[in-house]
Amino acid sequence: MSPVTTTVIILTLSILILSPPSISSPITAYDVIQSYGFPKGILPIGVTGYELDESTGRFKAFFNGTCSFSLEGTYELKYKSTIAGVISKGRLTNLTGVSVKVFLFWLNIVEVCVTDDELGFSVGIASAGFPIDNFELCPRCGCGMDCDGVLNSDGGVSVRNKRSNAFVSSL
């Protein structure tokens, strides 16, 4: 081997060894919903995977099991092990797998919309709006958005503005 070849090999090895490895983190369901204008907190902690058909907007998120929690001490939410819908910029329609308890009845949330600083949830004939700031952190199964000082996965304490517009008829 010539001295020039040896030098080139040594330089190449030095560059490979000294260069930091390029580690790309996988895109998560939380990343996907944020890319469509939603806050990550519309999904509870614990999504194990997702599917997205970018041509149709069909979206699915998977959990290890069902998840339920209270939202603002008023509404109880329940997520099935698979939720699905059609996602577009600021809209999630044809939603399945998410329900809310209103009075004594469980109603399916069928649509979620982002408008200015509010997140609107529709159960068909009724809807409710909540400040988008309430969804900066992901809720936890069992305690939701108000976990009495329990840390969320990103290290933030769950503290929320307690302002909402109750489910009201859209008729």
C-alpha atoms as a PDB file:
ATOM      1  CA  MET A   1       0.000   0.000   0.000  1.00  0.00           C
ATOM      2  CA  SER A   2       1.348   3.419  -0.885  1.00  0.00           C
ATOM      3  CA  PRO A   3       1.757   6.153   1.734  1.00  0.00           C
ATOM      4  CA  VAL A   4      -0.927   8.240  -0.031  1.00  0.00           C
ATOM      5  CA  THR A   5      -3.474   5.387   0.115  1.00  0.00           C
ATOM      6  CA  THR A   6      -2.675   4.787   3.781  1.00  0.00           C
ATOM      7  CA  THR A   7      -3.149   8.491   4.543  1.00  0.00           C
ATOM      8  CA  VAL A   8      -6.517   8.565   2.728  1.00  0.00           C
ATOM      9  CA  ILE A   9      -7.729   5.492   4.634  1.00  0.00           C
ATOM     10  CA  ILE A  10      -6.605   6.978   7.958  1.00  0.00           C
ATOM     11  CA  LEU A  11      -8.319  10.318   7.200  1.00  0.00           C
ATOM     12  CA  THR A  12     -11.517   8.575   6.126  1.00  0.00           C
ATOM     13  CA  LEU A  13     -11.557   6.460   9.284  1.00  0.00           C
ATOM     14  CA  SER A  14     -10.884   9.561  11.403  1.00  0.00           C
ATOM     15  CA  ILE A  15     -13.819  11.385   9.837  1.00  0.00           C
ATOM     16  CA  LEU A  16     -16.122   8.396  10.372  1.00  0.00           C
ATOM     17  CA  ILE A  17     -15.016   7.928  13.970  1.00  0.00           C
ATOM     18  CA  LEU A  18     -15.092  11.620  14.933  1.00  0.00           C
ATOM     19  CA  SER A  19     -18.358  12.454  13.168  1.00  0.00           C
ATOM     20  CA  PRO A  20     -21.400  12.148  15.410  1.00  0.00           C
ATOM     21  CA  PRO A  21     -23.778   9.450  14.254  1.00  0.00           C
ATOM     22  CA  SER A  22     -26.849  10.710  12.492  1.00  0.00           C
ATOM     23  CA  ILE A  23     -29.729   9.497  14.594  1.00  0.00           C
ATOM     24  CA  SER A  24     -33.143  10.271  13.271  1.00  0.00           C
ATOM     25  CA  SER A  25     -35.970   9.800  15.704  1.00  0.00           C
ATOM     26  CA  PRO A  26     -39.062   8.121  14.329  1.00  0.00           C
ATOM     27  CA  ILE A  27     -42.108  10.237  13.602  1.00  0.00           C
ATOM     28  CA  THR A  28     -44.808   9.654  16.205  1.00  0.00           C
ATOM     29  CA  ALA A  29     -48.592  10.009  16.143  1.00  0.00           C
ATOM     30  CA  TYR A  30     -48.102  13.160  18.233  1.00  0.00           C
ATOM     31  CA  ASP A  31     -45.814  14.600  15.523  1.00  0.00           C
ATOM     32  CA  VAL A  32     -48.388  13.764  12.842  1.00  0.00           C
ATOM     33  CA  ILE A  33     -51.298  15.495  14.572  1.00  0.00           C
ATOM     34  CA  GLN A  34     -49.132  18.538  15.277  1.00  0.00           C
ATOM     35  CA  SER A  35     -48.217  18.734  11.581  1.00  0.00           C
ATOM     36  CA  TYR A  36     -51.952  19.106  10.875  1.00  0.00           C
ATOM     37  CA  GLY A  37     -52.321  21.992  13.352  1.00  0.00           C
ATOM     38  CA  PHE A  38     -53.534  20.086  16.425  1.00  0.00           C
ATOM     39  CA  PRO A  39     -51.910  20.227  19.835  1.00  0.00           C
ATOM     40  CA  LYS A  40     -50.323  16.934  20.900  1.00  0.00           C
ATOM     41  CA  GLY A  41     -52.544  16.835  23.992  1.00  0.00           C
ATOM     42  CA  ILE A  42     -55.593  15.632  22.058  1.00  0.00           C
ATOM     43  CA  LEU A  43     -53.985  12.206  22.339  1.00  0.00           C
ATOM     44  CA  PRO A  44     -53.368  10.742  25.782  1.00  0.00           C
ATOM     45  CA  ILE A  45     -49.959   9.412  26.770  1.00  0.00           C
ATOM     46  CA  GLY A  46     -49.491   5.857  25.584  1.00  0.00           C
ATOM     47  CA  VAL A  47     -49.933   5.779  21.807  1.00  0.00           C
ATOM     48  CA  THR A  48     -48.124   2.632  20.681  1.00  0.00           C
ATOM     49  CA  GLY A  49     -48.341   3.244  16.941  1.00  0.00           C
ATOM     50  CA  TYR A  50     -50.259   4.907  14.158  1.00  0.00           C
ATOM     51  CA  GLU A  51     -51.197   4.660  10.485  1.00  0.00           C
ATOM     52  CA  LEU A  52     -51.621   7.562   8.078  1.00  0.00           C
ATOM     53  CA  ASP A  53     -52.692   7.440   4.450  1.00  0.00           C
ATOM     54  CA  GLU A  54     -51.518  10.842   3.263  1.00  0.00           C
ATOM     55  CA  SER A  55     -53.537  10.615   0.024  1.00  0.00           C
ATOM     56  CA  THR A  56     -56.884  10.244   1.842  1.00  0.00           C
ATOM     57  CA  GLY A  57     -56.067  11.616   5.305  1.00  0.00           C
ATOM     58  CA  ARG A  58     -57.196   8.384   6.968  1.00  0.00           C
ATOM     59  CA  PHE A  59     -55.536   8.253  10.364  1.00  0.00           C
ATOM     60  CA  LYS A  60     -55.448   5.616  13.102  1.00  0.00           C
ATOM     61  CA  ALA A  61     -53.762   5.664  16.502  1.00  0.00           C
ATOM     62  CA  PHE A  62     -53.277   2.580  18.655  1.00  0.00           C
ATOM     63  CA  PHE A  63     -53.107   2.115  22.433  1.00  0.00           C
ATOM     64  CA  ASN A  64     -52.368  -0.970  24.541  1.00  0.00           C
ATOM     65  CA  GLY A  65     -55.930  -0.839  25.881  1.00  0.00           C
ATOM     66  CA  THR A  66     -58.734   1.562  26.606  1.00  0.00           C
ATOM     67  CA  CYS A  67     -58.024   4.841  28.357  1.00  0.00           C
ATOM     68  CA  SER A  68     -60.403   7.022  30.320  1.00  0.00           C
ATOM     69  CA  PHE A  69     -60.003  10.228  32.282  1.00  0.00           C
ATOM     70  CA  SER A  70     -61.856  13.331  33.387  1.00  0.00           C
ATOM     71  CA  LEU A  71     -61.571  16.559  31.404  1.00  0.00           C
ATOM     72  CA  GLU A  72     -61.749  19.722  33.514  1.00  0.00           C
ATOM     73  CA  GLY A  73     -63.625  17.821  36.228  1.00  0.00           C
ATOM     74  CA  THR A  74     -66.780  17.936  34.119  1.00  0.00           C
ATOM     75  CA  TYR A  75     -66.530  15.528  31.201  1.00  0.00           C
ATOM     76  CA  GLU A  76     -65.321  11.961  31.288  1.00  0.00           C
ATOM     77  CA  LEU A  77     -63.524  10.857  28.119  1.00  0.00           C
ATOM     78  CA  LYS A  78     -62.917   7.325  26.931  1.00  0.00           C
ATOM     79  CA  TYR A  79     -60.499   6.248  24.191  1.00  0.00           C
ATOM     80  CA  LYS A  80     -60.780   2.757  22.744  1.00  0.00           C
ATOM     81  CA  SER A  81     -57.626   0.788  21.928  1.00  0.00           C
ATOM     82  CA  THR A  82     -57.894   2.055  18.325  1.00  0.00           C
ATOM     83  CA  ILE A  83     -59.138   5.470  17.321  1.00  0.00           C
ATOM     84  CA  ALA A  84     -59.591   6.464  13.689  1.00  0.00           C
ATOM     85  CA  GLY A  85     -60.697   9.363  11.545  1.00  0.00           C
ATOM     86  CA  VAL A  86     -59.879  11.518   8.573  1.00  0.00           C
ATOM     87  CA  ILE A  87     -57.340  14.245   9.325  1.00  0.00           C
ATOM     88  CA  SER A  88     -56.794  17.466   7.402  1.00  0.00           C
ATOM     89  CA  LYS A  89     -55.410  20.865   8.353  1.00  0.00           C
ATOM     90  CA  GLY A  90     -57.273  21.853  11.539  1.00  0.00           C
ATOM     91  CA  ARG A  91     -60.004  19.187  11.188  1.00  0.00           C
ATOM     92  CA  LEU A  92     -60.423  15.610  12.322  1.00  0.00           C
ATOM     93  CA  THR A  93     -63.659  14.159  10.943  1.00  0.00           C
ATOM     94  CA  ASN A  94     -65.426  10.784  10.914  1.00  0.00           C
ATOM     95  CA  LEU A  95     -63.796  10.131  14.273  1.00  0.00           C
ATOM     96  CA  THR A  96     -64.389   6.743  15.903  1.00  0.00           C
ATOM     97  CA  GLY A  97     -63.147   5.318  19.166  1.00  0.00           C
ATOM     98  CA  VAL A  98     -63.473   8.428  21.357  1.00  0.00           C
ATOM     99  CA  SER A  99     -66.525   9.116  23.515  1.00  0.00           C
ATOM    100  CA  VAL A 100     -67.546  11.634  26.166  1.00  0.00           C
ATOM    101  CA  LYS A 101     -69.978  11.213  29.023  1.00  0.00           C
ATOM    102  CA  VAL A 102     -72.527  14.024  29.047  1.00  0.00           C
ATOM    103  CA  PHE A 103     -74.897  13.782  32.006  1.00  0.00           C
ATOM    104  CA  LEU A 104     -75.745  10.052  32.053  1.00  0.00           C
ATOM    105  CA  PHE A 105     -75.050   9.271  28.394  1.00  0.00           C
ATOM    106  CA  TRP A 106     -71.914   8.263  26.506  1.00  0.00           C
ATOM    107  CA  LEU A 107     -71.740  10.114  23.176  1.00  0.00           C
ATOM    108  CA  ASN A 108     -69.234   9.524  20.390  1.00  0.00           C
ATOM    109  CA  ILE A 109     -67.048  12.497  19.524  1.00  0.00           C
ATOM    110  CA  VAL A 110     -67.276  12.613  15.733  1.00  0.00           C
ATOM    111  CA  GLU A 111     -65.278  15.731  14.883  1.00  0.00           C
ATOM    112  CA  VAL A 112     -62.529  17.922  16.321  1.00  0.00           C
ATOM    113  CA  CYS A 113     -61.738  21.353  14.838  1.00  0.00           C
ATOM    114  CA  VAL A 114     -59.102  23.991  15.529  1.00  0.00           C
ATOM    115  CA  THR A 115     -60.337  27.582  15.317  1.00  0.00           C
ATOM    116  CA  ASP A 116     -58.027  30.390  16.386  1.00  0.00           C
ATOM    117  CA  ASP A 117     -57.222  29.649  20.033  1.00  0.00           C
ATOM    118  CA  GLU A 118     -59.960  27.085  20.631  1.00  0.00           C
ATOM    119  CA  LEU A 119     -60.396  23.362  20.075  1.00  0.00           C
ATOM    120  CA  GLY A 120     -63.973  22.350  19.256  1.00  0.00           C
ATOM    121  CA  PHE A 121     -65.376  18.873  19.879  1.00  0.00           C
ATOM    122  CA  SER A 122     -68.612  17.760  18.212  1.00  0.00           C
ATOM    123  CA  VAL A 123     -70.853  14.840  19.120  1.00  0.00           C
ATOM    124  CA  GLY A 124     -73.144  15.507  16.160  1.00  0.00           C
ATOM    125  CA  ILE A 125     -75.982  17.639  17.502  1.00  0.00           C
ATOM    126  CA  ALA A 126     -73.925  19.270  20.268  1.00  0.00           C
ATOM    127  CA  SER A 127     -70.451  20.715  20.573  1.00  0.00           C
ATOM    128  CA  ALA A 128     -68.072  22.171  23.136  1.00  0.00           C
ATOM    129  CA  GLY A 129     -65.054  24.416  22.853  1.00  0.00           C
ATOM    130  CA  PHE A 130     -61.956  24.481  25.029  1.00  0.00           C
ATOM    131  CA  PRO A 131     -58.897  26.759  25.000  1.00  0.00           C
ATOM    132  CA  ILE A 132     -56.201  25.178  22.871  1.00  0.00           C
ATOM    133  CA  ASP A 133     -53.730  25.898  25.689  1.00  0.00           C
ATOM    134  CA  ASN A 134     -55.483  23.146  27.690  1.00  0.00           C
ATOM    135  CA  PHE A 135     -53.988  20.601  25.289  1.00  0.00           C
ATOM    136  CA  GLU A 136     -50.311  21.541  25.357  1.00  0.00           C
ATOM    137  CA  LEU A 137     -49.577  18.484  27.509  1.00  0.00           C
ATOM    138  CA  CYS A 138     -50.902  14.998  26.908  1.00  0.00           C
ATOM    139  CA  PRO A 139     -53.461  13.709  29.412  1.00  0.00           C
ATOM    140  CA  ARG A 140     -52.773  10.575  31.427  1.00  0.00           C
ATOM    141  CA  CYS A 141     -55.152   7.677  31.604  1.00  0.00           C
ATOM    142  CA  GLY A 142     -56.873   7.751  34.974  1.00  0.00           C
ATOM    143  CA  CYS A 143     -56.148  11.381  35.895  1.00  0.00           C
ATOM    144  CA  GLY A 144     -56.390  13.283  32.601  1.00  0.00           C
ATOM    145  CA  MET A 145     -55.235  16.880  32.489  1.00  0.00           C
ATOM    146  CA  ASP A 146     -55.288  17.521  36.226  1.00  0.00           C
ATOM    147  CA  CYS A 147     -53.055  14.940  37.846  1.00  0.00           C
ATOM    148  CA  ASP A 148     -52.518  16.865  41.109  1.00  0.00           C
ATOM    149  CA  GLY A 149     -48.898  17.687  40.472  1.00  0.00           C
ATOM    150  CA  VAL A 150     -48.015  14.425  38.699  1.00  0.00           C
ATOM    151  CA  LEU A 151     -45.395  15.039  36.019  1.00  0.00           C
ATOM    152  CA  ASN A 152     -46.303  14.425  32.399  1.00  0.00           C
ATOM    153  CA  SER A 153     -43.930  12.635  30.042  1.00  0.00           C
ATOM    154  CA  ASP A 154     -42.302  15.892  28.992  1.00  0.00           C
ATOM    155  CA  GLY A 155     -41.634  16.898  32.607  1.00  0.00           C
ATOM    156  CA  GLY A 156     -44.398  19.504  32.817  1.00  0.00           C
ATOM    157  CA  VAL A 157     -46.869  19.550  35.661  1.00  0.00           C
ATOM    158  CA  SER A 158     -50.484  19.263  34.560  1.00  0.00           C
ATOM    159  CA  VAL A 159     -51.993  22.647  35.308  1.00  0.00           C
ATOM    160  CA  ARG A 160     -54.814  23.949  33.154  1.00  0.00           C
ATOM    161  CA  ASN A 161     -57.035  26.936  32.596  1.00  0.00           C
ATOM    162  CA  LYS A 162     -60.480  25.859  33.715  1.00  0.00           C
ATOM    163  CA  ARG A 163     -62.401  27.639  30.960  1.00  0.00           C
ATOM    164  CA  SER A 164     -64.672  25.843  28.519  1.00  0.00           C
ATOM    165  CA  ASN A 165     -67.917  26.169  26.643  1.00  0.00           C
ATOM    166  CA  ALA A 166     -70.216  23.335  27.658  1.00  0.00           C
ATOM    167  CA  PHE A 167     -71.671  21.011  25.069  1.00  0.00           C
ATOM    168  CA  VAL A 168     -74.439  23.018  23.452  1.00  0.00           C
ATOM    169  CA  SER A 169     -76.818  22.209  20.667  1.00  0.00           C
ATOM    170  CA  SER A 170     -75.686  23.254  17.216  1.00  0.00           C
ATOM    171  CA  LEU A 171     -79.259  23.517  15.979  1.00  0.00           C
END
